[in-house]
Amino acid sequence: MSHTKTKRPLKFYQALPKVDLHRHLEGSVRLNTLLDIGRTHGIDIKGTDYLRPLVQVGEDEPYTFENFLSKFITLREFFRSPEAISRITYEAIEDAAVDNIRYLELRFTPVALSKSEEFRLADVMDWVIDAAKQAEMENGVITRLIASVNRHESVALAEKVIQLAVDRKDAGIVGVDLAGAEANFQAEPFLGVFKEATQAGMHTTIHAGEWGGSANVMEAIEKFDAKRIGHGVRVMEDPDVVGIAREHQPFFEVCITSNYQSGVIPVLHNHPYPEMLSKGLNAALNTDDPSICQITLSYEYQLACEELGIPVSTLVGGILASARAAFLPGNEREALVDSLGSELGGYNLV
């Protein structure tokens, strides 16, 4: 059957049970919530039309990493109280539930959340943990947290965040992530801290091959021993690195719309995701920053199948691959895979 005959509406993809392993809390904030926080804290917003271009990527903007990252600078101004941070966390998980996400790994950047009011990092992490637990219980989305640190901030700060994360690994923080401006800052200085995190029982994921080239993917695999790579799409620029990735099989957390809007991929229809799969790489779809990008995971699924020509059977395989890559203990991971497998078995996957 040809691809054109299998055109499916968004509601088909909304009905699929999903896994999202790469979603940033700071990029998942509702516009109305920002307006409420602004009113509470006297931030002069001048309404939705004024605010939207400061925190979301519009069609008439330059699709560059500088423009994309500028949204986070504005968003940092809104993390003004424990109540605001708790609400943002709760709503991010509530929104995931509406999109039928069954398992969510929500990554958050304690330094970003603490900045505007100089909150203690430990307090910020506890507010996120408590709100996530409440949202998980009330919305039925299994949720785990990843503490993220940025390349453009100091190693000493990363060390502090990661130690606090390790102290909270029994409270729902399951991993640590290296993010930030990959084009301008190296990962190498953080190698020691991440090795210590692994030894302390934390899972690790590294942003690589997004705004930097394939050499960064190789570094993440060979030096950091990363089991998961955030984005990683530029791995395709070097056949040797593709070979290394095929051999080691790290899981690539692919985010199509984000890659387009942040200037990684100049032409949406040329996104390398289909080619990554055809080369035997372990990759599946995630949202990255659903509010900034104005998307849902269902939308990304539809985009992959209807525009990039990914068969629905391959998409479903990706959902199960995501479950197998979850930062969960073995028995919980197997239960997740089995549960999703049973449910997805009932779909017409032609």
Protein backbone atom coordinates (compact mmCIF):
# COMPACT_ATOMS: atom_id res chain seq x y z
CA MET A 1 0.00 0.00 0.00
CA SER A 2 1.43 3.39 -0.93
CA HIS A 3 2.05 6.06 1.65
CA THR A 4 -0.58 8.38 0.18
CA LYS A 5 -3.34 5.81 0.79
CA THR A 6 -2.61 5.58 4.51
CA LYS A 7 -3.15 9.25 5.37
CA ARG A 8 -4.33 9.36 8.94
CA PRO A 9 -5.79 12.26 10.94
CA LEU A 10 -4.19 13.67 14.09
CA LYS A 11 -6.74 11.87 16.29
CA PHE A 12 -5.29 8.50 15.18
CA TYR A 13 -1.91 9.53 16.59
CA GLN A 14 -3.50 11.06 19.70
CA ALA A 15 -5.04 7.68 20.49
CA LEU A 16 -1.69 5.88 20.47
CA PRO A 17 -0.12 5.29 23.91
CA LYS A 18 3.19 7.14 23.93
CA VAL A 19 6.57 7.54 25.58
CA ASP A 20 8.43 10.88 25.72
CA LEU A 21 12.02 10.68 26.95
CA HIS A 22 13.18 14.16 25.94
CA ARG A 23 10.98 16.99 27.19
CA HIS A 24 12.35 20.08 28.94
CA LEU A 25 10.20 21.43 31.75
CA GLU A 26 11.25 25.01 30.96
CA GLY A 27 10.04 24.57 27.36
CA SER A 28 6.67 23.13 28.41
CA VAL A 29 4.97 26.14 30.00
CA ARG A 30 1.45 27.15 29.03
CA LEU A 31 1.02 30.70 27.75
CA ASN A 32 -1.95 31.32 30.07
CA THR A 33 0.13 30.21 33.05
CA LEU A 34 2.81 32.74 32.14
CA LEU A 35 0.14 35.45 32.00
CA ASP A 36 -1.12 34.42 35.46
CA ILE A 37 2.37 34.42 36.93
CA GLY A 38 3.04 37.78 35.29
CA ARG A 39 -0.06 39.27 36.90
CA THR A 40 0.81 37.82 40.31
CA HIS A 41 4.38 39.10 40.26
CA GLY A 42 3.89 42.40 38.45
CA ILE A 43 5.70 41.41 35.25
CA ASP A 44 4.65 43.83 32.51
CA ILE A 45 3.50 41.51 29.73
CA LYS A 46 0.93 43.59 27.79
CA GLY A 47 -1.08 40.50 26.87
CA THR A 48 -0.79 37.32 24.82
CA ASP A 49 0.18 38.94 21.51
CA TYR A 50 3.13 40.65 23.15
CA LEU A 51 4.22 37.58 25.12
CA ARG A 52 3.88 34.84 22.50
CA PRO A 53 6.85 35.81 20.26
CA LEU A 54 9.08 36.10 23.34
CA VAL A 55 8.45 32.49 24.44
CA GLN A 56 7.35 30.62 21.29
CA VAL A 57 8.88 30.25 17.85
CA GLY A 58 6.70 31.81 15.14
CA GLU A 59 6.67 31.11 11.42
CA ASP A 60 8.10 34.51 10.50
CA GLU A 61 11.13 34.28 12.81
CA PRO A 62 14.67 33.19 11.90
CA TYR A 63 15.07 29.47 12.56
CA THR A 64 18.40 29.71 14.38
CA PHE A 65 19.73 28.33 17.63
CA GLU A 66 20.26 31.90 18.90
CA ASN A 67 16.58 32.73 18.37
CA PHE A 68 15.48 29.41 19.85
CA LEU A 69 17.60 29.81 22.99
CA SER A 70 16.41 33.41 23.44
CA LYS A 71 12.98 32.04 24.43
CA PHE A 72 14.51 30.43 27.52
CA ILE A 73 15.99 33.77 28.60
CA THR A 74 12.49 35.25 28.75
CA LEU A 75 11.03 32.15 30.41
CA ARG A 76 13.57 32.38 33.25
CA GLU A 77 11.88 35.62 34.33
CA PHE A 78 8.73 33.70 35.30
CA PHE A 79 10.13 31.19 37.76
CA ARG A 80 9.33 33.58 40.60
CA SER A 81 7.92 31.44 43.41
CA PRO A 82 7.62 27.87 44.70
CA GLU A 83 3.97 28.00 43.60
CA ALA A 84 4.91 29.00 40.02
CA ILE A 85 7.51 26.24 39.72
CA SER A 86 5.13 23.66 41.20
CA ARG A 87 2.32 24.72 38.88
CA ILE A 88 4.51 24.61 35.78
CA THR A 89 5.68 21.10 36.71
CA TYR A 90 2.18 19.83 37.40
CA GLU A 91 0.77 21.27 34.17
CA ALA A 92 3.58 19.85 32.03
CA ILE A 93 2.61 16.37 33.22
CA GLU A 94 -1.10 17.12 32.89
CA ASP A 95 -0.52 18.16 29.27
CA ALA A 96 1.39 14.93 28.65
CA ALA A 97 -1.58 12.98 29.99
CA VAL A 98 -3.95 14.77 27.60
CA ASP A 99 -1.69 13.65 24.73
CA ASN A 100 -1.90 10.03 25.96
CA ILE A 101 1.71 9.83 27.10
CA ARG A 102 2.02 6.84 29.42
CA TYR A 103 5.64 7.30 30.43
CA LEU A 104 7.37 10.68 30.64
CA GLU A 105 10.91 11.63 31.51
CA LEU A 106 10.78 15.32 32.27
CA ARG A 107 14.14 17.04 32.37
CA PHE A 108 14.55 20.28 34.25
CA THR A 109 17.39 22.72 34.82
CA PRO A 110 17.61 23.63 38.52
CA VAL A 111 19.95 26.56 37.82
CA ALA A 112 17.47 28.10 35.36
CA LEU A 113 14.56 27.65 37.76
CA SER A 114 16.48 29.16 40.68
CA LYS A 115 17.99 32.15 38.87
CA SER A 116 15.46 34.99 39.02
CA GLU A 117 14.86 34.79 42.77
CA GLU A 118 18.13 33.09 43.77
CA PHE A 119 16.33 30.10 45.25
CA ARG A 120 18.40 27.33 46.80
CA LEU A 121 19.00 24.61 44.20
CA ALA A 122 17.93 21.93 46.68
CA ASP A 123 14.61 23.67 47.28
CA VAL A 124 13.89 24.02 43.57
CA MET A 125 14.55 20.33 43.03
CA ASP A 126 12.26 19.37 45.89
CA TRP A 127 9.44 21.56 44.56
CA VAL A 128 9.70 19.89 41.15
CA ILE A 129 9.84 16.41 42.71
CA ASP A 130 6.77 17.01 44.90
CA ALA A 131 4.69 18.53 42.09
CA ALA A 132 5.70 15.72 39.71
CA LYS A 133 4.64 13.06 42.22
CA GLN A 134 1.27 14.71 42.70
CA ALA A 135 0.74 15.08 38.94
CA GLU A 136 1.80 11.48 38.29
CA MET A 137 -0.68 10.21 40.85
CA GLU A 138 -3.58 12.38 39.67
CA ASN A 139 -3.02 12.08 35.90
CA GLY A 140 -1.82 8.50 35.53
CA VAL A 141 1.40 9.31 33.66
CA ILE A 142 4.41 7.42 35.01
CA THR A 143 6.88 10.29 35.43
CA ARG A 144 10.58 10.31 36.18
CA LEU A 145 12.87 13.34 36.36
CA ILE A 146 16.22 14.18 34.80
CA ALA A 147 18.35 16.99 36.23
CA SER A 148 19.95 19.00 33.45
CA VAL A 149 23.14 21.08 33.54
CA ASN A 150 24.41 23.47 30.88
CA ARG A 151 27.74 23.48 29.07
CA HIS A 152 27.98 27.26 29.30
CA GLU A 153 27.86 27.18 33.11
CA SER A 154 30.68 26.12 35.39
CA VAL A 155 31.72 22.56 36.12
CA ALA A 156 31.53 23.40 39.85
CA LEU A 157 27.86 24.32 39.44
CA ALA A 158 27.21 21.11 37.49
CA GLU A 159 28.89 19.14 40.24
CA LYS A 160 26.60 20.72 42.83
CA VAL A 161 23.44 19.99 40.82
CA ILE A 162 24.48 16.42 40.10
CA GLN A 163 25.28 15.72 43.75
CA LEU A 164 21.85 17.04 44.74
CA ALA A 165 20.32 14.80 42.05
CA VAL A 166 22.19 11.76 43.36
CA ASP A 167 20.89 12.56 46.86
CA ARG A 168 17.36 12.43 45.40
CA LYS A 169 17.62 9.35 43.22
CA ASP A 170 15.12 7.51 45.42
CA ALA A 171 12.68 10.43 45.10
CA GLY A 172 12.25 10.21 41.33
CA ILE A 173 15.37 11.80 39.80
CA VAL A 174 16.69 8.99 37.63
CA GLY A 175 19.23 10.72 35.41
CA VAL A 176 21.39 13.70 34.58
CA ASP A 177 21.68 15.53 31.28
CA LEU A 178 24.27 17.80 29.69
CA ALA A 179 22.55 20.49 27.59
CA GLY A 180 23.14 24.09 26.53
CA ALA A 181 24.86 25.89 23.68
CA GLU A 182 26.68 22.98 22.04
CA ALA A 183 27.94 25.13 19.16
CA ASN A 184 29.99 27.32 21.51
CA PHE A 185 30.92 25.16 24.51
CA GLN A 186 32.67 21.81 24.90
CA ALA A 187 31.39 18.72 26.74
CA GLU A 188 34.88 17.54 27.73
CA PRO A 189 35.19 19.61 30.96
CA PHE A 190 32.13 17.78 32.35
CA LEU A 191 33.45 14.28 31.73
CA GLY A 192 34.64 13.68 35.29
CA VAL A 193 31.39 14.87 36.86
CA PHE A 194 29.32 12.63 34.60
CA LYS A 195 31.50 9.60 35.28
CA GLU A 196 30.98 10.20 39.00
CA ALA A 197 27.23 10.44 38.44
CA THR A 198 27.23 7.09 36.63
CA GLN A 199 29.21 5.49 39.44
CA ALA A 200 26.66 6.86 41.90
CA GLY A 201 23.87 5.06 40.05
CA MET A 202 22.51 7.86 37.87
CA HIS A 203 21.65 7.36 34.21
CA THR A 204 23.13 9.87 31.79
CA THR A 205 22.01 11.44 28.54
CA ILE A 206 24.09 13.93 26.56
CA HIS A 207 22.89 16.59 24.10
CA ALA A 208 25.20 16.02 21.12
CA GLY A 209 25.04 16.31 17.34
CA GLU A 210 22.35 18.98 17.50
CA TRP A 211 24.11 22.35 17.06
CA GLY A 212 27.51 20.63 16.96
CA GLY A 213 28.76 18.06 14.45
CA SER A 214 29.09 14.28 14.42
CA ALA A 215 32.36 14.38 16.39
CA ASN A 216 30.28 15.36 19.42
CA VAL A 217 28.17 12.24 19.00
CA MET A 218 31.31 10.13 18.89
CA GLU A 219 32.56 11.84 22.05
CA ALA A 220 29.25 11.17 23.82
CA ILE A 221 29.43 7.48 22.92
CA GLU A 222 33.12 6.76 23.36
CA LYS A 223 34.14 9.12 26.19
CA PHE A 224 30.93 9.63 28.13
CA ASP A 225 29.64 6.10 27.45
CA ALA A 226 26.19 7.69 26.97
CA LYS A 227 23.38 5.19 26.66
CA ARG A 228 21.15 7.94 25.31
CA ILE A 229 21.91 10.97 23.16
CA GLY A 230 19.73 14.07 23.00
CA HIS A 231 19.01 14.75 19.31
CA GLY A 232 22.19 13.33 17.71
CA VAL A 233 20.84 13.93 14.21
CA ARG A 234 24.15 15.24 12.87
CA VAL A 235 25.62 11.78 13.39
CA MET A 236 24.68 11.26 9.72
CA GLU A 237 27.39 13.69 8.58
CA ASP A 238 30.11 11.06 9.10
CA PRO A 239 29.69 7.41 8.00
CA ASP A 240 32.37 6.32 10.50
CA VAL A 241 30.41 7.79 13.40
CA VAL A 242 27.23 6.17 12.04
CA GLY A 243 29.11 2.87 12.20
CA ILE A 244 30.15 3.51 15.81
CA ALA A 245 26.56 4.39 16.73
CA ARG A 246 25.24 1.27 15.00
CA GLU A 247 27.75 -0.84 16.92
CA HIS A 248 27.14 0.71 20.37
CA GLN A 249 23.38 1.28 19.88
CA PRO A 250 22.84 4.33 22.09
CA PHE A 251 19.26 5.53 21.92
CA PHE A 252 18.82 8.78 19.96
CA GLU A 253 16.15 11.08 21.39
CA VAL A 254 14.99 12.67 18.11
CA CYS A 255 12.90 15.88 18.08
CA ILE A 256 11.91 16.80 14.52
CA THR A 257 10.16 20.18 14.85
CA SER A 258 12.69 21.45 17.38
CA ASN A 259 15.53 20.58 15.00
CA TYR A 260 13.84 22.56 12.26
CA GLN A 261 12.93 25.60 14.34
CA SER A 262 16.38 25.78 15.96
CA GLY A 263 18.19 25.72 12.63
CA VAL A 264 19.71 22.25 12.87
CA ILE A 265 17.75 21.09 9.81
CA PRO A 266 17.28 23.75 7.10
CA VAL A 267 14.51 21.86 5.27
CA LEU A 268 11.91 20.01 7.35
CA HIS A 269 11.31 17.30 4.75
CA ASN A 270 15.03 16.51 4.70
CA HIS A 271 15.12 15.60 8.39
CA PRO A 272 17.56 12.68 8.80
CA TYR A 273 15.29 10.60 11.06
CA PRO A 274 14.20 8.17 8.29
CA GLU A 275 17.84 7.75 7.23
CA MET A 276 18.93 7.14 10.83
CA LEU A 277 16.45 4.27 11.02
CA SER A 278 17.48 2.87 7.65
CA LYS A 279 21.12 2.78 8.84
CA GLY A 280 20.15 0.67 11.84
CA LEU A 281 20.37 3.37 14.52
CA ASN A 282 18.24 3.12 17.65
CA ALA A 283 16.08 6.26 17.53
CA ALA A 284 12.55 7.45 18.29
CA LEU A 285 10.54 10.64 18.58
CA ASN A 286 10.20 13.13 21.44
CA THR A 287 8.96 16.70 21.87
CA ASP A 288 11.95 18.63 23.34
CA ASP A 289 10.09 21.90 24.07
CA PRO A 290 6.41 21.48 23.21
CA SER A 291 5.34 24.98 24.26
CA ILE A 292 8.19 26.81 22.54
CA CYS A 293 7.65 24.74 19.38
CA GLN A 294 3.82 24.78 19.70
CA ILE A 295 3.54 21.03 19.19
CA THR A 296 2.47 17.80 20.87
CA LEU A 297 4.05 14.36 20.55
CA SER A 298 0.98 13.29 18.54
CA TYR A 299 1.77 16.09 16.10
CA GLU A 300 5.37 14.83 15.79
CA TYR A 301 4.10 11.31 15.11
CA GLN A 302 1.78 12.62 12.39
CA LEU A 303 4.59 14.67 10.88
CA ALA A 304 6.92 11.65 10.77
CA CYS A 305 4.36 9.36 9.16
CA GLU A 306 2.45 11.69 6.88
CA GLU A 307 5.26 14.03 5.79
CA LEU A 308 8.50 12.05 6.19
CA GLY A 309 7.01 8.73 5.07
CA ILE A 310 7.72 6.69 8.21
CA PRO A 311 5.41 3.63 8.26
CA VAL A 312 3.10 3.46 11.27
CA SER A 313 4.55 0.04 12.10
CA THR A 314 7.98 1.69 12.38
CA LEU A 315 6.50 4.43 14.57
CA VAL A 316 5.05 1.80 16.90
CA GLY A 317 8.42 0.06 16.98
CA GLY A 318 9.86 3.41 18.07
CA ILE A 319 7.37 3.69 20.94
CA LEU A 320 8.53 0.29 22.21
CA ALA A 321 12.19 1.22 21.62
CA SER A 322 11.61 4.32 23.76
CA ALA A 323 10.14 2.17 26.53
CA ARG A 324 13.17 -0.13 26.35
CA ALA A 325 15.44 2.94 26.66
CA ALA A 326 13.60 4.30 29.73
CA PHE A 327 15.72 5.09 32.78
CA LEU A 328 13.84 2.55 34.89
CA PRO A 329 14.90 -0.56 36.83
CA GLY A 330 14.76 -3.68 34.66
CA ASN A 331 11.49 -5.08 36.03
CA GLU A 332 9.66 -1.73 35.71
CA ARG A 333 11.01 -1.26 32.19
CA GLU A 334 9.85 -4.73 31.14
CA ALA A 335 6.40 -4.06 32.61
CA LEU A 336 6.18 -0.81 30.62
CA VAL A 337 7.25 -2.52 27.38
CA ASP A 338 4.77 -5.38 27.94
CA SER A 339 1.90 -3.02 28.75
CA LEU A 340 2.53 -0.83 25.68
CA GLY A 341 3.11 -3.87 23.48
CA SER A 342 -0.25 -5.37 24.45
CA GLU A 343 -2.08 -2.14 23.76
CA LEU A 344 -0.30 -1.38 20.48
CA GLY A 345 -0.89 -4.93 19.24
CA GLY A 346 -4.49 -4.01 18.56
CA TYR A 347 -3.70 -1.30 15.99
CA ASN A 348 -3.91 -1.60 12.23
CA LEU A 349 -0.28 -0.92 11.42
CA VAL A 350 -0.26 -1.08 7.65
